[in-house]
Amino acid sequence: MTRDPFEIVVGDSAEELDVRLSDELDRFNSERTAGIAPLRELTVEVRDLEGALVAGLSGWTWGTCAGIGMVWVDENKRRTGLGTRLLAVFARQDGLPQPPHADVHLRKVLQRPDRRLKAHT
């Protein structure tokens, strides 16, 4: 019997692995996409008058793609329209792809624990 030459390891969060994967994908993609706008990290913050963070969004743009990794609104400020405003500000940034050429990706589907989302077919 031939021994498998690879070891597969499953673990928890691994920042070093995340950095390596990101670096490798960035290198590969940039070599094959000459002339495409480079990756741009993009964040939006909302602060109150005292300077405390009450909402935020982090995402990216690259070529004709954009992605939103995280959106957060302070629990006491929810249902005030801040989430909608964050997304609107993100969407208006220079270099962000616009329809019909936009390809926007959301990383997580968030669901309130007191609601169940139904699949739409």
PDB file of N, CA and C in Angstrom:
ATOM      1  N   MET A   1       0.839  -1.186   0.000  1.00  0.00           N
ATOM      2  CA  MET A   1       0.000   0.000   0.000  1.00  0.00           C
ATOM      3  C   MET A   1       0.885   1.252   0.000  1.00  0.00           C
ATOM      4  N   THR A   2       0.550   2.206  -0.851  1.00  0.00           N
ATOM      5  CA  THR A   2       1.318   3.442  -0.956  1.00  0.00           C
ATOM      6  C   THR A   2       0.834   4.437   0.088  1.00  0.00           C
ATOM      7  N   ARG A   3       1.773   5.043   0.753  1.00  0.00           N
ATOM      8  CA  ARG A   3       1.436   6.042   1.769  1.00  0.00           C
ATOM      9  C   ARG A   3       1.070   7.367   1.112  1.00  0.00           C
ATOM     10  N   ASP A   4       0.013   7.999   1.600  1.00  0.00           N
ATOM     11  CA  ASP A   4      -0.412   9.311   1.102  1.00  0.00           C
ATOM     12  C   ASP A   4       0.693  10.324   1.404  1.00  0.00           C
ATOM     13  N   PRO A   5       1.191  11.059   0.384  1.00  0.00           N
ATOM     14  CA  PRO A   5       2.286  12.008   0.614  1.00  0.00           C
ATOM     15  C   PRO A   5       1.829  13.329   1.251  1.00  0.00           C
ATOM     16  N   PHE A   6       0.536  13.439   1.536  1.00  0.00           N
ATOM     17  CA  PHE A   6       0.019  14.686   2.099  1.00  0.00           C
ATOM     18  C   PHE A   6      -0.623  14.451   3.452  1.00  0.00           C
ATOM     19  N   GLU A   7      -0.545  15.449   4.291  1.00  0.00           N
ATOM     20  CA  GLU A   7      -1.236  15.438   5.575  1.00  0.00           C
ATOM     21  C   GLU A   7      -2.280  16.543   5.532  1.00  0.00           C
ATOM     22  N   ILE A   8      -3.512  16.236   5.837  1.00  0.00           N
ATOM     23  CA  ILE A   8      -4.588  17.228   5.863  1.00  0.00           C
ATOM     24  C   ILE A   8      -4.902  17.528   7.316  1.00  0.00           C
ATOM     25  N   VAL A   9      -4.855  18.821   7.664  1.00  0.00           N
ATOM     26  CA  VAL A   9      -5.049  19.245   9.044  1.00  0.00           C
ATOM     27  C   VAL A   9      -6.246  20.177   9.113  1.00  0.00           C
ATOM     28  N   VAL A  10      -7.188  19.874   9.976  1.00  0.00           N
ATOM     29  CA  VAL A  10      -8.351  20.732  10.215  1.00  0.00           C
ATOM     30  C   VAL A  10      -8.150  21.407  11.565  1.00  0.00           C
ATOM     31  N   GLY A  11      -8.384  22.710  11.627  1.00  0.00           N
ATOM     32  CA  GLY A  11      -8.157  23.416  12.885  1.00  0.00           C
ATOM     33  C   GLY A  11      -9.073  24.610  13.024  1.00  0.00           C
ATOM     34  N   ASP A  12      -8.820  25.359  14.055  1.00  0.00           N
ATOM     35  CA  ASP A  12      -9.552  26.595  14.307  1.00  0.00           C
ATOM     36  C   ASP A  12      -8.900  27.727  13.514  1.00  0.00           C
ATOM     37  N   SER A  13      -9.194  28.941  13.882  1.00  0.00           N
ATOM     38  CA  SER A  13      -8.644  30.110  13.214  1.00  0.00           C
ATOM     39  C   SER A  13      -7.124  30.010  13.090  1.00  0.00           C
ATOM     40  N   ALA A  14      -6.603  30.339  11.912  1.00  0.00           N
ATOM     41  CA  ALA A  14      -5.162  30.266  11.655  1.00  0.00           C
ATOM     42  C   ALA A  14      -4.752  31.500  10.856  1.00  0.00           C
ATOM     43  N   GLU A  15      -4.372  32.565  11.560  1.00  0.00           N
ATOM     44  CA  GLU A  15      -4.042  33.824  10.901  1.00  0.00           C
ATOM     45  C   GLU A  15      -2.909  33.652   9.894  1.00  0.00           C
ATOM     46  N   GLU A  16      -1.900  32.881  10.242  1.00  0.00           N
ATOM     47  CA  GLU A  16      -0.780  32.666   9.331  1.00  0.00           C
ATOM     48  C   GLU A  16      -1.250  32.005   8.032  1.00  0.00           C
ATOM     49  N   LEU A  17      -2.149  31.036   8.138  1.00  0.00           N
ATOM     50  CA  LEU A  17      -2.699  30.386   6.949  1.00  0.00           C
ATOM     51  C   LEU A  17      -3.508  31.382   6.125  1.00  0.00           C
ATOM     52  N   ASP A  18      -4.341  32.191   6.772  1.00  0.00           N
ATOM     53  CA  ASP A  18      -5.135  33.189   6.056  1.00  0.00           C
ATOM     54  C   ASP A  18      -4.241  34.141   5.272  1.00  0.00           C
ATOM     55  N   VAL A  19      -3.161  34.608   5.899  1.00  0.00           N
ATOM     56  CA  VAL A  19      -2.243  35.533   5.233  1.00  0.00           C
ATOM     57  C   VAL A  19      -1.592  34.848   4.037  1.00  0.00           C
ATOM     58  N   ARG A  20      -1.146  33.615   4.210  1.00  0.00           N
ATOM     59  CA  ARG A  20      -0.494  32.887   3.113  1.00  0.00           C
ATOM     60  C   ARG A  20      -1.453  32.674   1.952  1.00  0.00           C
ATOM     61  N   LEU A  21      -2.686  32.226   2.246  1.00  0.00           N
ATOM     62  CA  LEU A  21      -3.665  32.008   1.178  1.00  0.00           C
ATOM     63  C   LEU A  21      -3.952  33.306   0.435  1.00  0.00           C
ATOM     64  N   SER A  22      -4.128  34.388   1.173  1.00  0.00           N
ATOM     65  CA  SER A  22      -4.405  35.685   0.552  1.00  0.00           C
ATOM     66  C   SER A  22      -3.238  36.119  -0.331  1.00  0.00           C
ATOM     67  N   ASP A  23      -2.015  35.994   0.176  1.00  0.00           N
ATOM     68  CA  ASP A  23      -0.834  36.382  -0.603  1.00  0.00           C
ATOM     69  C   ASP A  23      -0.714  35.553  -1.878  1.00  0.00           C
ATOM     70  N   GLU A  24      -0.927  34.251  -1.766  1.00  0.00           N
ATOM     71  CA  GLU A  24      -0.815  33.376  -2.935  1.00  0.00           C
ATOM     72  C   GLU A  24      -1.887  33.698  -3.976  1.00  0.00           C
ATOM     73  N   LEU A  25      -3.117  33.911  -3.525  1.00  0.00           N
ATOM     74  CA  LEU A  25      -4.192  34.248  -4.465  1.00  0.00           C
ATOM     75  C   LEU A  25      -3.963  35.614  -5.106  1.00  0.00           C
ATOM     76  N   ASP A  26      -3.507  36.593  -4.312  1.00  0.00           N
ATOM     77  CA  ASP A  26      -3.205  37.912  -4.873  1.00  0.00           C
ATOM     78  C   ASP A  26      -2.128  37.820  -5.945  1.00  0.00           C
ATOM     79  N   ARG A  27      -1.068  37.068  -5.670  1.00  0.00           N
ATOM     80  CA  ARG A  27       0.023  36.909  -6.636  1.00  0.00           C
ATOM     81  C   ARG A  27      -0.492  36.261  -7.916  1.00  0.00           C
ATOM     82  N   PHE A  28      -1.202  35.150  -7.775  1.00  0.00           N
ATOM     83  CA  PHE A  28      -1.728  34.424  -8.928  1.00  0.00           C
ATOM     84  C   PHE A  28      -2.647  35.312  -9.761  1.00  0.00           C
ATOM     85  N   ASN A  29      -3.591  35.971  -9.093  1.00  0.00           N
ATOM     86  CA  ASN A  29      -4.563  36.792  -9.809  1.00  0.00           C
ATOM     87  C   ASN A  29      -3.920  37.999 -10.480  1.00  0.00           C
ATOM     88  N   SER A  30      -2.995  38.670  -9.795  1.00  0.00           N
ATOM     89  CA  SER A  30      -2.387  39.864 -10.398  1.00  0.00           C
ATOM     90  C   SER A  30      -1.530  39.504 -11.606  1.00  0.00           C
ATOM     91  N   GLU A  31      -0.889  38.329 -11.588  1.00  0.00           N
ATOM     92  CA  GLU A  31      -0.099  37.893 -12.750  1.00  0.00           C
ATOM     93  C   GLU A  31      -0.971  37.660 -13.977  1.00  0.00           C
ATOM     94  N   ARG A  32      -2.213  37.302 -13.769  1.00  0.00           N
ATOM     95  CA  ARG A  32      -3.092  36.922 -14.885  1.00  0.00           C
ATOM     96  C   ARG A  32      -4.131  37.992 -15.243  1.00  0.00           C
ATOM     97  N   THR A  33      -4.072  39.118 -14.580  1.00  0.00           N
ATOM     98  CA  THR A  33      -5.094  40.138 -14.830  1.00  0.00           C
ATOM     99  C   THR A  33      -4.458  41.510 -15.038  1.00  0.00           C
ATOM    100  N   ALA A  34      -3.459  41.571 -15.881  1.00  0.00           N
ATOM    101  CA  ALA A  34      -2.815  42.855 -16.185  1.00  0.00           C
ATOM    102  C   ALA A  34      -3.859  43.837 -16.696  1.00  0.00           C
ATOM    103  N   GLY A  35      -3.786  45.064 -16.220  1.00  0.00           N
ATOM    104  CA  GLY A  35      -4.714  46.100 -16.657  1.00  0.00           C
ATOM    105  C   GLY A  35      -5.975  46.208 -15.819  1.00  0.00           C
ATOM    106  N   ILE A  36      -6.194  45.284 -14.899  1.00  0.00           N
ATOM    107  CA  ILE A  36      -7.363  45.350 -14.012  1.00  0.00           C
ATOM    108  C   ILE A  36      -6.975  46.155 -12.777  1.00  0.00           C
ATOM    109  N   ALA A  37      -7.887  46.972 -12.297  1.00  0.00           N
ATOM    110  CA  ALA A  37      -7.616  47.765 -11.093  1.00  0.00           C
ATOM    111  C   ALA A  37      -7.200  46.836  -9.951  1.00  0.00           C
ATOM    112  N   PRO A  38      -6.162  47.203  -9.194  1.00  0.00           N
ATOM    113  CA  PRO A  38      -5.688  46.334  -8.114  1.00  0.00           C
ATOM    114  C   PRO A  38      -6.683  46.258  -6.953  1.00  0.00           C
ATOM    115  N   LEU A  39      -6.498  45.237  -6.142  1.00  0.00           N
ATOM    116  CA  LEU A  39      -7.317  45.059  -4.954  1.00  0.00           C
ATOM    117  C   LEU A  39      -7.224  46.290  -4.072  1.00  0.00           C
ATOM    118  N   ARG A  40      -8.366  46.707  -3.562  1.00  0.00           N
ATOM    119  CA  ARG A  40      -8.416  47.858  -2.648  1.00  0.00           C
ATOM    120  C   ARG A  40      -9.263  47.467  -1.450  1.00  0.00           C
ATOM    121  N   GLU A  41      -8.671  47.523  -0.275  1.00  0.00           N
ATOM    122  CA  GLU A  41      -9.440  47.327   0.949  1.00  0.00           C
ATOM    123  C   GLU A  41     -10.264  48.593   1.156  1.00  0.00           C
ATOM    124  N   LEU A  42     -11.489  48.427   1.624  1.00  0.00           N
ATOM    125  CA  LEU A  42     -12.385  49.570   1.766  1.00  0.00           C
ATOM    126  C   LEU A  42     -13.172  49.432   3.058  1.00  0.00           C
ATOM    127  N   THR A  43     -13.128  50.461   3.894  1.00  0.00           N
ATOM    128  CA  THR A  43     -13.876  50.445   5.147  1.00  0.00           C
ATOM    129  C   THR A  43     -14.735  51.699   5.259  1.00  0.00           C
ATOM    130  N   VAL A  44     -15.825  51.572   5.994  1.00  0.00           N
ATOM    131  CA  VAL A  44     -16.710  52.697   6.280  1.00  0.00           C
ATOM    132  C   VAL A  44     -16.980  52.659   7.785  1.00  0.00           C
ATOM    133  N   GLU A  45     -16.801  53.783   8.457  1.00  0.00           N
ATOM    134  CA  GLU A  45     -17.047  53.872   9.896  1.00  0.00           C
ATOM    135  C   GLU A  45     -18.116  54.922  10.172  1.00  0.00           C
ATOM    136  N   VAL A  46     -18.928  54.672  11.196  1.00  0.00           N
ATOM    137  CA  VAL A  46     -19.867  55.675  11.697  1.00  0.00           C
ATOM    138  C   VAL A  46     -19.522  55.899  13.161  1.00  0.00           C
ATOM    139  N   ARG A  47     -19.254  57.129  13.513  1.00  0.00           N
ATOM    140  CA  ARG A  47     -18.919  57.474  14.892  1.00  0.00           C
ATOM    141  C   ARG A  47     -19.918  58.496  15.415  1.00  0.00           C
ATOM    142  N   ASP A  48     -20.200  58.425  16.714  1.00  0.00           N
ATOM    143  CA  ASP A  48     -21.101  59.402  17.308  1.00  0.00           C
ATOM    144  C   ASP A  48     -20.328  60.691  17.603  1.00  0.00           C
ATOM    145  N   LEU A  49     -20.991  61.675  18.165  1.00  0.00           N
ATOM    146  CA  LEU A  49     -20.364  62.980  18.396  1.00  0.00           C
ATOM    147  C   LEU A  49     -19.201  62.913  19.384  1.00  0.00           C
ATOM    148  N   GLU A  50     -19.154  61.871  20.228  1.00  0.00           N
ATOM    149  CA  GLU A  50     -18.035  61.695  21.162  1.00  0.00           C
ATOM    150  C   GLU A  50     -16.881  60.905  20.531  1.00  0.00           C
ATOM    151  N   GLY A  51     -17.077  60.427  19.308  1.00  0.00           N
ATOM    152  CA  GLY A  51     -16.035  59.696  18.605  1.00  0.00           C
ATOM    153  C   GLY A  51     -16.093  58.189  18.771  1.00  0.00           C
ATOM    154  N   ALA A  52     -17.115  57.671  19.445  1.00  0.00           N
ATOM    155  CA  ALA A  52     -17.237  56.226  19.632  1.00  0.00           C
ATOM    156  C   ALA A  52     -17.773  55.574  18.361  1.00  0.00           C
ATOM    157  N   LEU A  53     -17.221  54.427  18.018  1.00  0.00           N
ATOM    158  CA  LEU A  53     -17.683  53.674  16.861  1.00  0.00           C
ATOM    159  C   LEU A  53     -19.068  53.101  17.145  1.00  0.00           C
ATOM    160  N   VAL A  54     -20.038  53.395  16.263  1.00  0.00           N
ATOM    161  CA  VAL A  54     -21.402  52.877  16.433  1.00  0.00           C
ATOM    162  C   VAL A  54     -21.821  51.976  15.270  1.00  0.00           C
ATOM    163  N   ALA A  55     -21.028  51.969  14.201  1.00  0.00           N
ATOM    164  CA  ALA A  55     -21.325  51.091  13.062  1.00  0.00           C
ATOM    165  C   ALA A  55     -20.099  51.049  12.163  1.00  0.00           C
ATOM    166  N   GLY A  56     -19.982  49.960  11.418  1.00  0.00           N
ATOM    167  CA  GLY A  56     -18.855  49.851  10.513  1.00  0.00           C
ATOM    168  C   GLY A  56     -19.060  48.774   9.469  1.00  0.00           C
ATOM    169  N   LEU A  57     -18.283  48.891   8.416  1.00  0.00           N
ATOM    170  CA  LEU A  57     -18.339  47.955   7.300  1.00  0.00           C
ATOM    171  C   LEU A  57     -16.916  47.776   6.801  1.00  0.00           C
ATOM    172  N   SER A  58     -16.534  46.544   6.473  1.00  0.00           N
ATOM    173  CA  SER A  58     -15.243  46.332   5.823  1.00  0.00           C
ATOM    174  C   SER A  58     -15.465  45.469   4.590  1.00  0.00           C
ATOM    175  N   GLY A  59     -14.779  45.841   3.533  1.00  0.00           N
ATOM    176  CA  GLY A  59     -14.924  45.124   2.286  1.00  0.00           C
ATOM    177  C   GLY A  59     -13.754  45.387   1.368  1.00  0.00           C
ATOM    178  N   TRP A  60     -13.956  45.151   0.076  1.00  0.00           N
ATOM    179  CA  TRP A  60     -12.885  45.291  -0.900  1.00  0.00           C
ATOM    180  C   TRP A  60     -13.465  45.522  -2.287  1.00  0.00           C
ATOM    181  N   THR A  61     -12.631  46.026  -3.157  1.00  0.00           N
ATOM    182  CA  THR A  61     -12.951  46.092  -4.581  1.00  0.00           C
ATOM    183  C   THR A  61     -11.754  45.524  -5.338  1.00  0.00           C
ATOM    184  N   TRP A  62     -12.017  44.952  -6.495  1.00  0.00           N
ATOM    185  CA  TRP A  62     -10.952  44.442  -7.355  1.00  0.00           C
ATOM    186  C   TRP A  62     -11.531  44.295  -8.751  1.00  0.00           C
ATOM    187  N   GLY A  63     -10.977  45.039  -9.689  1.00  0.00           N
ATOM    188  CA  GLY A  63     -11.483  44.984 -11.052  1.00  0.00           C
ATOM    189  C   GLY A  63     -12.961  45.328 -11.081  1.00  0.00           C
ATOM    190  N   THR A  64     -13.775  44.404 -11.587  1.00  0.00           N
ATOM    191  CA  THR A  64     -15.220  44.629 -11.644  1.00  0.00           C
ATOM    192  C   THR A  64     -15.943  43.911 -10.508  1.00  0.00           C
ATOM    193  N   CYS A  65     -15.212  43.560  -9.461  1.00  0.00           N
ATOM    194  CA  CYS A  65     -15.810  42.854  -8.316  1.00  0.00           C
ATOM    195  C   CYS A  65     -15.714  43.703  -7.064  1.00  0.00           C
ATOM    196  N   ALA A  66     -16.618  43.453  -6.152  1.00  0.00           N
ATOM    197  CA  ALA A  66     -16.573  44.072  -4.833  1.00  0.00           C
ATOM    198  C   ALA A  66     -17.126  43.069  -3.841  1.00  0.00           C
ATOM    199  N   GLY A  67     -16.667  43.157  -2.628  1.00  0.00           N
ATOM    200  CA  GLY A  67     -17.157  42.253  -1.597  1.00  0.00           C
ATOM    201  C   GLY A  67     -17.276  42.953  -0.273  1.00  0.00           C
ATOM    202  N   ILE A  68     -18.228  42.515   0.504  1.00  0.00           N
ATOM    203  CA  ILE A  68     -18.418  43.030   1.854  1.00  0.00           C
ATOM    204  C   ILE A  68     -18.157  41.865   2.797  1.00  0.00           C
ATOM    205  N   GLY A  69     -17.161  42.020   3.649  1.00  0.00           N
ATOM    206  CA  GLY A  69     -16.802  40.965   4.581  1.00  0.00           C
ATOM    207  C   GLY A  69     -17.594  41.024   5.871  1.00  0.00           C
ATOM    208  N   MET A  70     -17.753  42.229   6.405  1.00  0.00           N
ATOM    209  CA  MET A  70     -18.441  42.385   7.684  1.00  0.00           C
ATOM    210  C   MET A  70     -19.200  43.706   7.723  1.00  0.00           C
ATOM    211  N   VAL A  71     -20.361  43.655   8.355  1.00  0.00           N
ATOM    212  CA  VAL A  71     -21.155  44.858   8.638  1.00  0.00           C
ATOM    213  C   VAL A  71     -21.612  44.729  10.082  1.00  0.00           C
ATOM    214  N   TRP A  72     -21.440  45.783  10.850  1.00  0.00           N
ATOM    215  CA  TRP A  72     -21.848  45.766  12.253  1.00  0.00           C
ATOM    216  C   TRP A  72     -22.480  47.110  12.613  1.00  0.00           C
ATOM    217  N   VAL A  73     -23.579  47.044  13.374  1.00  0.00           N
ATOM    218  CA  VAL A  73     -24.216  48.239  13.927  1.00  0.00           C
ATOM    219  C   VAL A  73     -24.440  47.969  15.405  1.00  0.00           C
ATOM    220  N   ASP A  74     -24.046  48.927  16.247  1.00  0.00           N
ATOM    221  CA  ASP A  74     -24.251  48.803  17.684  1.00  0.00           C
ATOM    222  C   ASP A  74     -25.702  48.441  17.965  1.00  0.00           C
ATOM    223  N   GLU A  75     -25.894  47.526  18.878  1.00  0.00           N
ATOM    224  CA  GLU A  75     -27.239  47.018  19.167  1.00  0.00           C
ATOM    225  C   GLU A  75     -28.224  48.141  19.503  1.00  0.00           C
ATOM    226  N   ASN A  76     -27.767  49.163  20.201  1.00  0.00           N
ATOM    227  CA  ASN A  76     -28.657  50.273  20.576  1.00  0.00           C
ATOM    228  C   ASN A  76     -28.941  51.245  19.439  1.00  0.00           C
ATOM    229  N   LYS A  77     -28.235  51.083  18.331  1.00  0.00           N
ATOM    230  CA  LYS A  77     -28.420  51.989  17.178  1.00  0.00           C
ATOM    231  C   LYS A  77     -29.086  51.286  15.999  1.00  0.00           C
ATOM    232  N   ARG A  78     -29.443  50.016  16.177  1.00  0.00           N
ATOM    233  CA  ARG A  78     -30.089  49.281  15.085  1.00  0.00           C
ATOM    234  C   ARG A  78     -31.490  49.812  14.850  1.00  0.00           C
ATOM    235  N   ARG A  79     -31.968  49.592  13.633  1.00  0.00           N
ATOM    236  CA  ARG A  79     -33.279  50.076  13.188  1.00  0.00           C
ATOM    237  C   ARG A  79     -33.351  51.603  13.113  1.00  0.00           C
ATOM    238  N   THR A  80     -32.173  52.230  12.956  1.00  0.00           N
ATOM    239  CA  THR A  80     -32.123  53.684  12.776  1.00  0.00           C
ATOM    240  C   THR A  80     -31.725  54.055  11.352  1.00  0.00           C
ATOM    241  N   GLY A  81     -31.468  53.047  10.512  1.00  0.00           N
ATOM    242  CA  GLY A  81     -31.060  53.305   9.135  1.00  0.00           C
ATOM    243  C   GLY A  81     -29.550  53.324   8.931  1.00  0.00           C
ATOM    244  N   LEU A  82     -28.765  53.102   9.995  1.00  0.00           N
ATOM    245  CA  LEU A  82     -27.307  53.162   9.842  1.00  0.00           C
ATOM    246  C   LEU A  82     -26.783  52.069   8.909  1.00  0.00           C
ATOM    247  N   GLY A  83     -27.336  50.868   8.992  1.00  0.00           N
ATOM    248  CA  GLY A  83     -26.891  49.796   8.104  1.00  0.00           C
ATOM    249  C   GLY A  83     -27.123  50.146   6.643  1.00  0.00           C
ATOM    250  N   THR A  84     -28.283  50.684   6.362  1.00  0.00           N
ATOM    251  CA  THR A  84     -28.615  51.120   5.000  1.00  0.00           C
ATOM    252  C   THR A  84     -27.662  52.214   4.549  1.00  0.00           C
ATOM    253  N   ARG A  85     -27.381  53.155   5.446  1.00  0.00           N
ATOM    254  CA  ARG A  85     -26.464  54.247   5.108  1.00  0.00           C
ATOM    255  C   ARG A  85     -25.044  53.730   4.851  1.00  0.00           C
ATOM    256  N   LEU A  86     -24.590  52.753   5.659  1.00  0.00           N
ATOM    257  CA  LEU A  86     -23.266  52.166   5.439  1.00  0.00           C
ATOM    258  C   LEU A  86     -23.160  51.579   4.042  1.00  0.00           C
ATOM    259  N   LEU A  87     -24.152  50.771   3.669  1.00  0.00           N
ATOM    260  CA  LEU A  87     -24.139  50.142   2.345  1.00  0.00           C
ATOM    261  C   LEU A  87     -24.191  51.176   1.235  1.00  0.00           C
ATOM    262  N   ALA A  88     -24.985  52.226   1.414  1.00  0.00           N
ATOM    263  CA  ALA A  88     -25.094  53.270   0.394  1.00  0.00           C
ATOM    264  C   ALA A  88     -23.773  54.004   0.218  1.00  0.00           C
ATOM    265  N   VAL A  89     -23.096  54.316   1.319  1.00  0.00           N
ATOM    266  CA  VAL A  89     -21.796  55.000   1.232  1.00  0.00           C
ATOM    267  C   VAL A  89     -20.772  54.087   0.552  1.00  0.00           C
ATOM    268  N   PHE A  90     -20.754  52.816   0.926  1.00  0.00           N
ATOM    269  CA  PHE A  90     -19.851  51.847   0.299  1.00  0.00           C
ATOM    270  C   PHE A  90     -20.086  51.812  -1.212  1.00  0.00           C
ATOM    271  N   ALA A  91     -21.334  51.750  -1.614  1.00  0.00           N
ATOM    272  CA  ALA A  91     -21.687  51.622  -3.030  1.00  0.00           C
ATOM    273  C   ALA A  91     -21.296  52.845  -3.851  1.00  0.00           C
ATOM    274  N   ARG A  92     -21.149  54.000  -3.227  1.00  0.00           N
ATOM    275  CA  ARG A  92     -20.831  55.234  -3.954  1.00  0.00           C
ATOM    276  C   ARG A  92     -19.339  55.528  -4.042  1.00  0.00           C
ATOM    277  N   GLN A  93     -18.489  54.679  -3.511  1.00  0.00           N
ATOM    278  CA  GLN A  93     -17.055  54.970  -3.498  1.00  0.00           C
ATOM    279  C   GLN A  93     -16.461  54.892  -4.898  1.00  0.00           C
ATOM    280  N   ASP A  94     -15.500  55.770  -5.165  1.00  0.00           N
ATOM    281  CA  ASP A  94     -14.791  55.760  -6.450  1.00  0.00           C
ATOM    282  C   ASP A  94     -14.148  54.405  -6.668  1.00  0.00           C
ATOM    283  N   GLY A  95     -14.249  53.909  -7.868  1.00  0.00           N
ATOM    284  CA  GLY A  95     -13.634  52.636  -8.219  1.00  0.00           C
ATOM    285  C   GLY A  95     -14.505  51.437  -7.938  1.00  0.00           C
ATOM    286  N   LEU A  96     -15.621  51.628  -7.271  1.00  0.00           N
ATOM    287  CA  LEU A  96     -16.508  50.501  -6.997  1.00  0.00           C
ATOM    288  C   LEU A  96     -17.267  50.170  -8.277  1.00  0.00           C
ATOM    289  N   PRO A  97     -17.308  48.901  -8.650  1.00  0.00           N
ATOM    290  CA  PRO A  97     -18.018  48.524  -9.872  1.00  0.00           C
ATOM    291  C   PRO A  97     -19.494  48.909  -9.803  1.00  0.00           C
ATOM    292  N   GLN A  98     -20.010  49.353 -10.919  1.00  0.00           N
ATOM    293  CA  GLN A  98     -21.409  49.759 -10.980  1.00  0.00           C
ATOM    294  C   GLN A  98     -22.153  48.884 -11.989  1.00  0.00           C
ATOM    295  N   PRO A  99     -23.445  48.696 -11.785  1.00  0.00           N
ATOM    296  CA  PRO A  99     -24.242  47.917 -12.752  1.00  0.00           C
ATOM    297  C   PRO A  99     -24.091  48.524 -14.142  1.00  0.00           C
ATOM    298  N   PRO A 100     -24.078  47.738 -15.200  1.00  0.00           N
ATOM    299  CA  PRO A 100     -24.323  46.298 -15.219  1.00  0.00           C
ATOM    300  C   PRO A 100     -23.063  45.478 -15.040  1.00  0.00           C
ATOM    301  N   HIS A 101     -21.936  46.113 -14.702  1.00  0.00           N
ATOM    302  CA  HIS A 101     -20.663  45.400 -14.604  1.00  0.00           C
ATOM    303  C   HIS A 101     -20.310  44.988 -13.183  1.00  0.00           C
ATOM    304  N   ALA A 102     -21.177  45.236 -12.236  1.00  0.00           N
ATOM    305  CA  ALA A 102     -20.882  44.943 -10.833  1.00  0.00           C
ATOM    306  C   ALA A 102     -21.001  43.458 -10.549  1.00  0.00           C
ATOM    307  N   ASP A 103     -20.131  42.988  -9.696  1.00  0.00           N
ATOM    308  CA  ASP A 103     -20.166  41.613  -9.208  1.00  0.00           C
ATOM    309  C   ASP A 103     -19.877  41.698  -7.713  1.00  0.00           C
ATOM    310  N   VAL A 104     -20.900  41.867  -6.912  1.00  0.00           N
ATOM    311  CA  VAL A 104     -20.747  42.103  -5.477  1.00  0.00           C
ATOM    312  C   VAL A 104     -21.000  40.810  -4.724  1.00  0.00           C
ATOM    313  N   HIS A 105     -20.101  40.493  -3.785  1.00  0.00           N
ATOM    314  CA  HIS A 105     -20.185  39.253  -3.015  1.00  0.00           C
ATOM    315  C   HIS A 105     -20.364  39.546  -1.540  1.00  0.00           C
ATOM    316  N   LEU A 106     -21.246  38.827  -0.903  1.00  0.00           N
ATOM    317  CA  LEU A 106     -21.383  38.885   0.548  1.00  0.00           C
ATOM    318  C   LEU A 106     -20.774  37.616   1.114  1.00  0.00           C
ATOM    319  N   ARG A 107     -19.993  37.750   2.156  1.00  0.00           N
ATOM    320  CA  ARG A 107     -19.305  36.614   2.719  1.00  0.00           C
ATOM    321  C   ARG A 107     -20.173  35.816   3.677  1.00  0.00           C
ATOM    322  N   LYS A 108     -21.000  36.457   4.458  1.00  0.00           N
ATOM    323  CA  LYS A 108     -21.808  35.749   5.443  1.00  0.00           C
ATOM    324  C   LYS A 108     -23.278  36.096   5.260  1.00  0.00           C
ATOM    325  N   VAL A 109     -24.117  35.119   5.499  1.00  0.00           N
ATOM    326  CA  VAL A 109     -25.544  35.366   5.559  1.00  0.00           C
ATOM    327  C   VAL A 109     -25.888  35.409   7.042  1.00  0.00           C
ATOM    328  N   LEU A 110     -26.365  36.532   7.494  1.00  0.00           N
ATOM    329  CA  LEU A 110     -26.677  36.697   8.903  1.00  0.00           C
ATOM    330  C   LEU A 110     -28.170  36.520   9.119  1.00  0.00           C
ATOM    331  N   GLN A 111     -28.500  35.909  10.215  1.00  0.00           N
ATOM    332  CA  GLN A 111     -29.905  35.643  10.511  1.00  0.00           C
ATOM    333  C   GLN A 111     -30.168  35.928  11.975  1.00  0.00           C
ATOM    334  N   ARG A 112     -31.239  36.644  12.251  1.00  0.00           N
ATOM    335  CA  ARG A 112     -31.632  36.872  13.638  1.00  0.00           C
ATOM    336  C   ARG A 112     -32.071  35.560  14.243  1.00  0.00           C
ATOM    337  N   PRO A 113     -31.708  35.291  15.508  1.00  0.00           N
ATOM    338  CA  PRO A 113     -32.075  34.016  16.117  1.00  0.00           C
ATOM    339  C   PRO A 113     -33.579  33.820  16.265  1.00  0.00           C
ATOM    340  N   ASP A 114     -34.337  34.913  16.286  1.00  0.00           N
ATOM    341  CA  ASP A 114     -35.780  34.777  16.464  1.00  0.00           C
ATOM    342  C   ASP A 114     -36.530  34.683  15.132  1.00  0.00           C
ATOM    343  N   ARG A 115     -35.789  34.603  14.033  1.00  0.00           N
ATOM    344  CA  ARG A 115     -36.412  34.478  12.712  1.00  0.00           C
ATOM    345  C   ARG A 115     -35.784  33.328  11.957  1.00  0.00           C
ATOM    346  N   ARG A 116     -36.552  32.690  11.156  1.00  0.00           N
ATOM    347  CA  ARG A 116     -36.050  31.637  10.289  1.00  0.00           C
ATOM    348  C   ARG A 116     -36.256  32.103   8.854  1.00  0.00           C
ATOM    349  N   LEU A 117     -35.172  32.101   8.082  1.00  0.00           N
ATOM    350  CA  LEU A 117     -35.277  32.497   6.682  1.00  0.00           C
ATOM    351  C   LEU A 117     -35.743  31.319   5.863  1.00  0.00           C
ATOM    352  N   LYS A 118     -36.656  31.562   4.934  1.00  0.00           N
ATOM    353  CA  LYS A 118     -37.162  30.518   4.057  1.00  0.00           C
ATOM    354  C   LYS A 118     -36.441  30.626   2.721  1.00  0.00           C
ATOM    355  N   ALA A 119     -36.094  29.490   2.192  1.00  0.00           N
ATOM    356  CA  ALA A 119     -35.426  29.464   0.887  1.00  0.00           C
ATOM    357  C   ALA A 119     -36.428  29.880  -0.187  1.00  0.00           C
ATOM    358  N   HIS A 120     -35.973  30.725  -1.086  1.00  0.00           N
ATOM    359  CA  HIS A 120     -36.801  31.154  -2.217  1.00  0.00           C
ATOM    360  C   HIS A 120     -36.377  30.379  -3.441  1.00  0.00           C
ATOM    361  N   THR A 121     -37.342  29.776  -4.111  1.00  0.00           N
ATOM    362  CA  THR A 121     -37.011  29.025  -5.334  1.00  0.00           C
ATOM    363  C   THR A 121     -37.620  29.672  -6.543  1.00  0.00           C
TER     364      THR A 121
END
